[in-house]
Amino acid sequence: MVERTVVVGSTSGLHARPAKLLVTAAKEQPATVRLRIGDRPAIDARSILAVLAAGVKQGTEVTLEADGDGAEAAVAVLADLIARNLDEEGDGNE
């Protein structure tokens, strides 16, 4: 299992747009990726409902856990997303 801890950078935490971007990116990964907040059980990073229900705020440390092919790359991609302030970034369509 590959693990990495990262601090949430988005102003709104993992809610709305940042949560959608995270879930979309997690679904694109070949590895199974979970998100753990503190001592709580890990949640499926591909589930928008689970990510939104976690109520993760800006500045919270979260741990990504991944198993399977491409686990290291999956964790790297998702850690980069979580660390950025996705609320201030454009959608890339400008």
PDB file of N, CA and C in Angstrom:
ATOM      1  N   MET A   1       0.852  -1.190   0.000  1.00  0.00           N
ATOM      2  CA  MET A   1       0.000   0.000   0.000  1.00  0.00           C
ATOM      3  C   MET A   1       0.887   1.238   0.000  1.00  0.00           C
ATOM      4  N   VAL A   2       0.476   2.209  -0.781  1.00  0.00           N
ATOM      5  CA  VAL A   2       1.165   3.494  -0.852  1.00  0.00           C
ATOM      6  C   VAL A   2       0.338   4.500  -0.063  1.00  0.00           C
ATOM      7  N   GLU A   3       0.997   5.304   0.774  1.00  0.00           N
ATOM      8  CA  GLU A   3       0.303   6.330   1.557  1.00  0.00           C
ATOM      9  C   GLU A   3       1.030   7.661   1.422  1.00  0.00           C
ATOM     10  N   ARG A   4       0.253   8.727   1.447  1.00  0.00           N
ATOM     11  CA  ARG A   4       0.833  10.072   1.488  1.00  0.00           C
ATOM     12  C   ARG A   4      -0.133  10.988   2.222  1.00  0.00           C
ATOM     13  N   THR A   5       0.406  11.796   3.124  1.00  0.00           N
ATOM     14  CA  THR A   5      -0.400  12.766   3.854  1.00  0.00           C
ATOM     15  C   THR A   5      -0.194  14.135   3.219  1.00  0.00           C
ATOM     16  N   VAL A   6      -1.290  14.849   3.061  1.00  0.00           N
ATOM     17  CA  VAL A   6      -1.257  16.161   2.407  1.00  0.00           C
ATOM     18  C   VAL A   6      -2.259  17.078   3.100  1.00  0.00           C
ATOM     19  N   VAL A   7      -1.995  18.380   3.048  1.00  0.00           N
ATOM     20  CA  VAL A   7      -2.886  19.383   3.643  1.00  0.00           C
ATOM     21  C   VAL A   7      -3.808  19.921   2.559  1.00  0.00           C
ATOM     22  N   VAL A   8      -5.095  20.000   2.853  1.00  0.00           N
ATOM     23  CA  VAL A   8      -6.098  20.492   1.900  1.00  0.00           C
ATOM     24  C   VAL A   8      -5.886  21.985   1.666  1.00  0.00           C
ATOM     25  N   GLY A   9      -5.714  22.368   0.400  1.00  0.00           N
ATOM     26  CA  GLY A   9      -5.427  23.753   0.048  1.00  0.00           C
ATOM     27  C   GLY A   9      -6.623  24.575  -0.388  1.00  0.00           C
ATOM     28  N   SER A  10      -7.687  23.937  -0.825  1.00  0.00           N
ATOM     29  CA  SER A  10      -8.846  24.683  -1.330  1.00  0.00           C
ATOM     30  C   SER A  10      -9.570  25.438  -0.224  1.00  0.00           C
ATOM     31  N   THR A  11      -9.954  26.663  -0.535  1.00  0.00           N
ATOM     32  CA  THR A  11     -10.646  27.520   0.411  1.00  0.00           C
ATOM     33  C   THR A  11     -11.907  26.853   0.962  1.00  0.00           C
ATOM     34  N   SER A  12     -12.635  26.151   0.109  1.00  0.00           N
ATOM     35  CA  SER A  12     -13.872  25.493   0.547  1.00  0.00           C
ATOM     36  C   SER A  12     -13.624  24.082   1.061  1.00  0.00           C
ATOM     37  N   GLY A  13     -12.363  23.695   1.183  1.00  0.00           N
ATOM     38  CA  GLY A  13     -12.056  22.328   1.602  1.00  0.00           C
ATOM     39  C   GLY A  13     -12.389  21.368   0.471  1.00  0.00           C
ATOM     40  N   LEU A  14     -12.754  20.146   0.823  1.00  0.00           N
ATOM     41  CA  LEU A  14     -13.149  19.170  -0.200  1.00  0.00           C
ATOM     42  C   LEU A  14     -14.660  19.190  -0.331  1.00  0.00           C
ATOM     43  N   HIS A  15     -15.170  20.301  -0.843  1.00  0.00           N
ATOM     44  CA  HIS A  15     -16.589  20.490  -1.040  1.00  0.00           C
ATOM     45  C   HIS A  15     -16.788  21.063  -2.439  1.00  0.00           C
ATOM     46  N   ALA A  16     -17.924  20.806  -3.012  1.00  0.00           N
ATOM     47  CA  ALA A  16     -18.315  21.349  -4.318  1.00  0.00           C
ATOM     48  C   ALA A  16     -17.276  21.051  -5.402  1.00  0.00           C
ATOM     49  N   ARG A  17     -16.738  22.089  -6.021  1.00  0.00           N
ATOM     50  CA  ARG A  17     -15.829  21.919  -7.157  1.00  0.00           C
ATOM     51  C   ARG A  17     -14.586  21.093  -6.812  1.00  0.00           C
ATOM     52  N   PRO A  18     -13.869  21.386  -5.712  1.00  0.00           N
ATOM     53  CA  PRO A  18     -12.692  20.568  -5.385  1.00  0.00           C
ATOM     54  C   PRO A  18     -13.034  19.089  -5.183  1.00  0.00           C
ATOM     55  N   ALA A  19     -14.157  18.799  -4.569  1.00  0.00           N
ATOM     56  CA  ALA A  19     -14.561  17.401  -4.367  1.00  0.00           C
ATOM     57  C   ALA A  19     -14.834  16.732  -5.708  1.00  0.00           C
ATOM     58  N   LYS A  20     -15.510  17.436  -6.600  1.00  0.00           N
ATOM     59  CA  LYS A  20     -15.806  16.874  -7.917  1.00  0.00           C
ATOM     60  C   LYS A  20     -14.526  16.580  -8.688  1.00  0.00           C
ATOM     61  N   LEU A  21     -13.581  17.517  -8.652  1.00  0.00           N
ATOM     62  CA  LEU A  21     -12.316  17.313  -9.353  1.00  0.00           C
ATOM     63  C   LEU A  21     -11.537  16.134  -8.771  1.00  0.00           C
ATOM     64  N   LEU A  22     -11.545  16.011  -7.452  1.00  0.00           N
ATOM     65  CA  LEU A  22     -10.857  14.900  -6.798  1.00  0.00           C
ATOM     66  C   LEU A  22     -11.487  13.571  -7.184  1.00  0.00           C
ATOM     67  N   VAL A  23     -12.786  13.468  -7.106  1.00  0.00           N
ATOM     68  CA  VAL A  23     -13.493  12.227  -7.418  1.00  0.00           C
ATOM     69  C   VAL A  23     -13.282  11.850  -8.887  1.00  0.00           C
ATOM     70  N   THR A  24     -13.363  12.828  -9.781  1.00  0.00           N
ATOM     71  CA  THR A  24     -13.146  12.568 -11.203  1.00  0.00           C
ATOM     72  C   THR A  24     -11.737  12.030 -11.441  1.00  0.00           C
ATOM     73  N   ALA A  25     -10.744  12.649 -10.816  1.00  0.00           N
ATOM     74  CA  ALA A  25      -9.360  12.198 -10.975  1.00  0.00           C
ATOM     75  C   ALA A  25      -9.163  10.813 -10.366  1.00  0.00           C
ATOM     76  N   ALA A  26      -9.810  10.534  -9.245  1.00  0.00           N
ATOM     77  CA  ALA A  26      -9.695   9.222  -8.598  1.00  0.00           C
ATOM     78  C   ALA A  26     -10.283   8.130  -9.488  1.00  0.00           C
ATOM     79  N   LYS A  27     -11.385   8.434 -10.166  1.00  0.00           N
ATOM     80  CA  LYS A  27     -12.015   7.457 -11.064  1.00  0.00           C
ATOM     81  C   LYS A  27     -11.133   7.145 -12.269  1.00  0.00           C
ATOM     82  N   GLU A  28     -10.256   8.061 -12.644  1.00  0.00           N
ATOM     83  CA  GLU A  28      -9.375   7.862 -13.789  1.00  0.00           C
ATOM     84  C   GLU A  28      -8.156   7.002 -13.454  1.00  0.00           C
ATOM     85  N   GLN A  29      -7.926   6.754 -12.174  1.00  0.00           N
ATOM     86  CA  GLN A  29      -6.745   6.001 -11.750  1.00  0.00           C
ATOM     87  C   GLN A  29      -6.996   4.495 -11.816  1.00  0.00           C
ATOM     88  N   PRO A  30      -5.979   3.723 -12.207  1.00  0.00           N
ATOM     89  CA  PRO A  30      -6.133   2.268 -12.227  1.00  0.00           C
ATOM     90  C   PRO A  30      -6.123   1.662 -10.826  1.00  0.00           C
ATOM     91  N   ALA A  31      -5.528   2.363  -9.875  1.00  0.00           N
ATOM     92  CA  ALA A  31      -5.437   1.866  -8.494  1.00  0.00           C
ATOM     93  C   ALA A  31      -6.670   2.271  -7.700  1.00  0.00           C
ATOM     94  N   THR A  32      -6.962   1.498  -6.672  1.00  0.00           N
ATOM     95  CA  THR A  32      -8.032   1.843  -5.735  1.00  0.00           C
ATOM     96  C   THR A  32      -7.468   2.852  -4.741  1.00  0.00           C
ATOM     97  N   VAL A  33      -8.108   4.012  -4.631  1.00  0.00           N
ATOM     98  CA  VAL A  33      -7.608   5.077  -3.761  1.00  0.00           C
ATOM     99  C   VAL A  33      -8.645   5.390  -2.690  1.00  0.00           C
ATOM    100  N   ARG A  34      -8.155   5.482  -1.460  1.00  0.00           N
ATOM    101  CA  ARG A  34      -8.999   5.843  -0.320  1.00  0.00           C
ATOM    102  C   ARG A  34      -8.440   7.096   0.346  1.00  0.00           C
ATOM    103  N   LEU A  35      -9.301   7.792   1.047  1.00  0.00           N
ATOM    104  CA  LEU A  35      -8.953   9.023   1.739  1.00  0.00           C
ATOM    105  C   LEU A  35      -9.257   8.824   3.217  1.00  0.00           C
ATOM    106  N   ARG A  36      -8.266   9.109   4.067  1.00  0.00           N
ATOM    107  CA  ARG A  36      -8.466   8.953   5.512  1.00  0.00           C
ATOM    108  C   ARG A  36      -8.216  10.295   6.183  1.00  0.00           C
ATOM    109  N   ILE A  37      -9.133  10.675   7.066  1.00  0.00           N
ATOM    110  CA  ILE A  37      -9.031  11.921   7.812  1.00  0.00           C
ATOM    111  C   ILE A  37      -8.864  11.556   9.275  1.00  0.00           C
ATOM    112  N   GLY A  38      -7.687  11.836   9.817  1.00  0.00           N
ATOM    113  CA  GLY A  38      -7.420  11.524  11.221  1.00  0.00           C
ATOM    114  C   GLY A  38      -7.587  10.047  11.502  1.00  0.00           C
ATOM    115  N   ASP A  39      -8.305   9.740  12.574  1.00  0.00           N
ATOM    116  CA  ASP A  39      -8.527   8.353  12.995  1.00  0.00           C
ATOM    117  C   ASP A  39      -9.793   7.748  12.402  1.00  0.00           C
ATOM    118  N   ARG A  40     -10.484   8.498  11.567  1.00  0.00           N
ATOM    119  CA  ARG A  40     -11.717   7.984  10.964  1.00  0.00           C
ATOM    120  C   ARG A  40     -11.399   6.890   9.951  1.00  0.00           C
ATOM    121  N   PRO A  41     -12.356   6.019   9.678  1.00  0.00           N
ATOM    122  CA  PRO A  41     -12.139   4.995   8.655  1.00  0.00           C
ATOM    123  C   PRO A  41     -11.925   5.647   7.284  1.00  0.00           C
ATOM    124  N   ALA A  42     -11.132   5.002   6.452  1.00  0.00           N
ATOM    125  CA  ALA A  42     -10.870   5.511   5.104  1.00  0.00           C
ATOM    126  C   ALA A  42     -12.144   5.447   4.265  1.00  0.00           C
ATOM    127  N   ILE A  43     -12.275   6.408   3.351  1.00  0.00           N
ATOM    128  CA  ILE A  43     -13.427   6.455   2.450  1.00  0.00           C
ATOM    129  C   ILE A  43     -12.947   6.288   1.015  1.00  0.00           C
ATOM    130  N   ASP A  44     -13.823   5.853   0.158  1.00  0.00           N
ATOM    131  CA  ASP A  44     -13.517   5.675  -1.258  1.00  0.00           C
ATOM    132  C   ASP A  44     -13.409   7.051  -1.917  1.00  0.00           C
ATOM    133  N   ALA A  45     -12.243   7.355  -2.471  1.00  0.00           N
ATOM    134  CA  ALA A  45     -12.036   8.656  -3.114  1.00  0.00           C
ATOM    135  C   ALA A  45     -12.826   8.804  -4.408  1.00  0.00           C
ATOM    136  N   ARG A  46     -13.447   7.712  -4.888  1.00  0.00           N
ATOM    137  CA  ARG A  46     -14.261   7.769  -6.114  1.00  0.00           C
ATOM    138  C   ARG A  46     -15.727   8.066  -5.817  1.00  0.00           C
ATOM    139  N   SER A  47     -16.075   8.207  -4.541  1.00  0.00           N
ATOM    140  CA  SER A  47     -17.465   8.437  -4.152  1.00  0.00           C
ATOM    141  C   SER A  47     -17.689   9.896  -3.774  1.00  0.00           C
ATOM    142  N   ILE A  48     -18.425  10.623  -4.606  1.00  0.00           N
ATOM    143  CA  ILE A  48     -18.688  12.034  -4.314  1.00  0.00           C
ATOM    144  C   ILE A  48     -19.454  12.185  -3.005  1.00  0.00           C
ATOM    145  N   LEU A  49     -20.383  11.284  -2.740  1.00  0.00           N
ATOM    146  CA  LEU A  49     -21.146  11.382  -1.492  1.00  0.00           C
ATOM    147  C   LEU A  49     -20.255  11.190  -0.276  1.00  0.00           C
ATOM    148  N   ALA A  50     -19.343  10.229  -0.339  1.00  0.00           N
ATOM    149  CA  ALA A  50     -18.438   9.982   0.789  1.00  0.00           C
ATOM    150  C   ALA A  50     -17.504  11.162   1.007  1.00  0.00           C
ATOM    151  N   VAL A  51     -16.974  11.723  -0.080  1.00  0.00           N
ATOM    152  CA  VAL A  51     -16.052  12.849   0.039  1.00  0.00           C
ATOM    153  C   VAL A  51     -16.772  14.076   0.603  1.00  0.00           C
ATOM    154  N   LEU A  52     -17.960  14.365   0.107  1.00  0.00           N
ATOM    155  CA  LEU A  52     -18.720  15.510   0.620  1.00  0.00           C
ATOM    156  C   LEU A  52     -19.131  15.311   2.073  1.00  0.00           C
ATOM    157  N   ALA A  53     -19.558  14.097   2.410  1.00  0.00           N
ATOM    158  CA  ALA A  53     -20.005  13.803   3.775  1.00  0.00           C
ATOM    159  C   ALA A  53     -18.871  13.885   4.790  1.00  0.00           C
ATOM    160  N   ALA A  54     -17.632  13.744   4.340  1.00  0.00           N
ATOM    161  CA  ALA A  54     -16.491  13.799   5.257  1.00  0.00           C
ATOM    162  C   ALA A  54     -16.297  15.199   5.834  1.00  0.00           C
ATOM    163  N   GLY A  55     -16.792  16.212   5.144  1.00  0.00           N
ATOM    164  CA  GLY A  55     -16.727  17.580   5.666  1.00  0.00           C
ATOM    165  C   GLY A  55     -15.314  18.094   5.867  1.00  0.00           C
ATOM    166  N   VAL A  56     -14.430  17.802   4.934  1.00  0.00           N
ATOM    167  CA  VAL A  56     -13.025  18.186   5.067  1.00  0.00           C
ATOM    168  C   VAL A  56     -12.850  19.672   4.759  1.00  0.00           C
ATOM    169  N   LYS A  57     -12.227  20.399   5.688  1.00  0.00           N
ATOM    170  CA  LYS A  57     -12.031  21.840   5.545  1.00  0.00           C
ATOM    171  C   LYS A  57     -10.605  22.168   5.137  1.00  0.00           C
ATOM    172  N   GLN A  58     -10.417  23.401   4.662  1.00  0.00           N
ATOM    173  CA  GLN A  58      -9.086  23.871   4.291  1.00  0.00           C
ATOM    174  C   GLN A  58      -8.148  23.731   5.482  1.00  0.00           C
ATOM    175  N   GLY A  59      -6.919  23.277   5.220  1.00  0.00           N
ATOM    176  CA  GLY A  59      -5.920  23.135   6.273  1.00  0.00           C
ATOM    177  C   GLY A  59      -5.923  21.786   6.966  1.00  0.00           C
ATOM    178  N   THR A  60      -6.907  20.944   6.663  1.00  0.00           N
ATOM    179  CA  THR A  60      -6.995  19.617   7.265  1.00  0.00           C
ATOM    180  C   THR A  60      -5.974  18.693   6.621  1.00  0.00           C
ATOM    181  N   GLU A  61      -5.292  17.896   7.443  1.00  0.00           N
ATOM    182  CA  GLU A  61      -4.394  16.876   6.920  1.00  0.00           C
ATOM    183  C   GLU A  61      -5.205  15.641   6.573  1.00  0.00           C
ATOM    184  N   VAL A  62      -5.040  15.145   5.357  1.00  0.00           N
ATOM    185  CA  VAL A  62      -5.701  13.921   4.919  1.00  0.00           C
ATOM    186  C   VAL A  62      -4.631  12.960   4.412  1.00  0.00           C
ATOM    187  N   THR A  63      -4.896  11.681   4.539  1.00  0.00           N
ATOM    188  CA  THR A  63      -3.966  10.673   4.058  1.00  0.00           C
ATOM    189  C   THR A  63      -4.602   9.913   2.909  1.00  0.00           C
ATOM    190  N   LEU A  64      -3.887   9.865   1.802  1.00  0.00           N
ATOM    191  CA  LEU A  64      -4.313   9.074   0.652  1.00  0.00           C
ATOM    192  C   LEU A  64      -3.687   7.702   0.773  1.00  0.00           C
ATOM    193  N   GLU A  65      -4.476   6.666   0.513  1.00  0.00           N
ATOM    194  CA  GLU A  65      -4.005   5.282   0.530  1.00  0.00           C
ATOM    195  C   GLU A  65      -4.388   4.658  -0.802  1.00  0.00           C
ATOM    196  N   ALA A  66      -3.451   3.960  -1.435  1.00  0.00           N
ATOM    197  CA  ALA A  66      -3.750   3.339  -2.718  1.00  0.00           C
ATOM    198  C   ALA A  66      -3.138   1.951  -2.802  1.00  0.00           C
ATOM    199  N   ASP A  67      -3.866   1.056  -3.451  1.00  0.00           N
ATOM    200  CA  ASP A  67      -3.425  -0.307  -3.705  1.00  0.00           C
ATOM    201  C   ASP A  67      -3.561  -0.579  -5.193  1.00  0.00           C
ATOM    202  N   GLY A  68      -2.717  -1.480  -5.686  1.00  0.00           N
ATOM    203  CA  GLY A  68      -2.862  -1.946  -7.056  1.00  0.00           C
ATOM    204  C   GLY A  68      -1.913  -1.273  -8.019  1.00  0.00           C
ATOM    205  N   ASP A  69      -2.094  -1.622  -9.286  1.00  0.00           N
ATOM    206  CA  ASP A  69      -1.254  -1.064 -10.344  1.00  0.00           C
ATOM    207  C   ASP A  69      -1.395   0.451 -10.375  1.00  0.00           C
ATOM    208  N   GLY A  70      -0.273   1.128 -10.473  1.00  0.00           N
ATOM    209  CA  GLY A  70      -0.302   2.586 -10.568  1.00  0.00           C
ATOM    210  C   GLY A  70      -0.577   3.294  -9.261  1.00  0.00           C
ATOM    211  N   ALA A  71      -0.424   2.603  -8.122  1.00  0.00           N
ATOM    212  CA  ALA A  71      -0.747   3.200  -6.821  1.00  0.00           C
ATOM    213  C   ALA A  71       0.084   4.449  -6.538  1.00  0.00           C
ATOM    214  N   GLU A  72       1.385   4.392  -6.801  1.00  0.00           N
ATOM    215  CA  GLU A  72       2.240   5.546  -6.520  1.00  0.00           C
ATOM    216  C   GLU A  72       1.861   6.743  -7.371  1.00  0.00           C
ATOM    217  N   ALA A  73       1.605   6.518  -8.645  1.00  0.00           N
ATOM    218  CA  ALA A  73       1.212   7.610  -9.540  1.00  0.00           C
ATOM    219  C   ALA A  73      -0.145   8.174  -9.142  1.00  0.00           C
ATOM    220  N   ALA A  74      -1.071   7.305  -8.761  1.00  0.00           N
ATOM    221  CA  ALA A  74      -2.406   7.755  -8.354  1.00  0.00           C
ATOM    222  C   ALA A  74      -2.323   8.663  -7.136  1.00  0.00           C
ATOM    223  N   VAL A  75      -1.532   8.242  -6.154  1.00  0.00           N
ATOM    224  CA  VAL A  75      -1.379   9.051  -4.938  1.00  0.00           C
ATOM    225  C   VAL A  75      -0.734  10.391  -5.276  1.00  0.00           C
ATOM    226  N   ALA A  76       0.248  10.393  -6.146  1.00  0.00           N
ATOM    227  CA  ALA A  76       0.920  11.643  -6.526  1.00  0.00           C
ATOM    228  C   ALA A  76      -0.048  12.613  -7.201  1.00  0.00           C
ATOM    229  N   VAL A  77      -0.849  12.114  -8.135  1.00  0.00           N
ATOM    230  CA  VAL A  77      -1.811  12.958  -8.857  1.00  0.00           C
ATOM    231  C   VAL A  77      -2.845  13.548  -7.898  1.00  0.00           C
ATOM    232  N   LEU A  78      -3.406  12.706  -7.047  1.00  0.00           N
ATOM    233  CA  LEU A  78      -4.455  13.174  -6.143  1.00  0.00           C
ATOM    234  C   LEU A  78      -3.902  14.075  -5.049  1.00  0.00           C
ATOM    235  N   ALA A  79      -2.691  13.797  -4.567  1.00  0.00           N
ATOM    236  CA  ALA A  79      -2.074  14.655  -3.554  1.00  0.00           C
ATOM    237  C   ALA A  79      -1.855  16.052  -4.116  1.00  0.00           C
ATOM    238  N   ASP A  80      -1.441  16.134  -5.380  1.00  0.00           N
ATOM    239  CA  ASP A  80      -1.247  17.436  -6.016  1.00  0.00           C
ATOM    240  C   ASP A  80      -2.561  18.209  -6.086  1.00  0.00           C
ATOM    241  N   LEU A  81      -3.634  17.536  -6.450  1.00  0.00           N
ATOM    242  CA  LEU A  81      -4.948  18.196  -6.515  1.00  0.00           C
ATOM    243  C   LEU A  81      -5.384  18.709  -5.148  1.00  0.00           C
ATOM    244  N   ILE A  82      -5.259  17.860  -4.143  1.00  0.00           N
ATOM    245  CA  ILE A  82      -5.718  18.222  -2.797  1.00  0.00           C
ATOM    246  C   ILE A  82      -4.942  19.403  -2.246  1.00  0.00           C
ATOM    247  N   ALA A  83      -3.658  19.485  -2.532  1.00  0.00           N
ATOM    248  CA  ALA A  83      -2.811  20.549  -1.983  1.00  0.00           C
ATOM    249  C   ALA A  83      -3.073  21.908  -2.624  1.00  0.00           C
ATOM    250  N   ARG A  84      -3.603  21.928  -3.845  1.00  0.00           N
ATOM    251  CA  ARG A  84      -3.841  23.187  -4.550  1.00  0.00           C
ATOM    252  C   ARG A  84      -5.150  23.831  -4.115  1.00  0.00           C
ATOM    253  N   ASN A  85      -5.232  25.161  -4.327  1.00  0.00           N
ATOM    254  CA  ASN A  85      -6.491  25.861  -4.064  1.00  0.00           C
ATOM    255  C   ASN A  85      -7.314  25.811  -5.344  1.00  0.00           C
ATOM    256  N   LEU A  86      -8.092  24.765  -5.489  1.00  0.00           N
ATOM    257  CA  LEU A  86      -8.878  24.558  -6.708  1.00  0.00           C
ATOM    258  C   LEU A  86     -10.016  25.559  -6.851  1.00  0.00           C
ATOM    259  N   ASP A  87     -10.341  26.267  -5.770  1.00  0.00           N
ATOM    260  CA  ASP A  87     -11.397  27.271  -5.840  1.00  0.00           C
ATOM    261  C   ASP A  87     -10.958  28.498  -6.643  1.00  0.00           C
ATOM    262  N   GLU A  88      -9.645  28.742  -6.701  1.00  0.00           N
ATOM    263  CA  GLU A  88      -9.135  29.942  -7.382  1.00  0.00           C
ATOM    264  C   GLU A  88      -8.628  29.664  -8.775  1.00  0.00           C
ATOM    265  N   GLU A  89      -8.528  28.381  -9.149  1.00  0.00           N
ATOM    266  CA  GLU A  89      -7.998  28.038 -10.452  1.00  0.00           C
ATOM    267  C   GLU A  89      -9.106  27.989 -11.491  1.00  0.00           C
ATOM    268  N   GLY A  90      -8.755  28.349 -12.735  1.00  0.00           N
ATOM    269  CA  GLY A  90      -9.718  28.255 -13.830  1.00  0.00           C
ATOM    270  C   GLY A  90      -9.980  26.809 -14.165  1.00  0.00           C
ATOM    271  N   ASP A  91     -10.967  26.575 -15.010  1.00  0.00           N
ATOM    272  CA  ASP A  91     -11.318  25.204 -15.368  1.00  0.00           C
ATOM    273  C   ASP A  91     -10.520  24.695 -16.570  1.00  0.00           C
ATOM    274  N   GLY A  92      -9.570  25.507 -17.048  1.00  0.00           N
ATOM    275  CA  GLY A  92      -8.729  25.071 -18.147  1.00  0.00           C
ATOM    276  C   GLY A  92      -9.369  25.270 -19.514  1.00  0.00           C
ATOM    277  N   ASN A  93     -10.579  25.818 -19.557  1.00  0.00           N
ATOM    278  CA  ASN A  93     -11.270  26.016 -20.821  1.00  0.00           C
ATOM    279  C   ASN A  93     -11.215  27.451 -21.300  1.00  0.00           C
ATOM    280  N   GLU A  94     -10.413  28.282 -20.649  1.00  0.00           N
ATOM    281  CA  GLU A  94     -10.339  29.673 -21.070  1.00  0.00           C
ATOM    282  C   GLU A  94      -9.475  29.804 -22.274  1.00  0.00           C
TER     283      GLU A  94
END
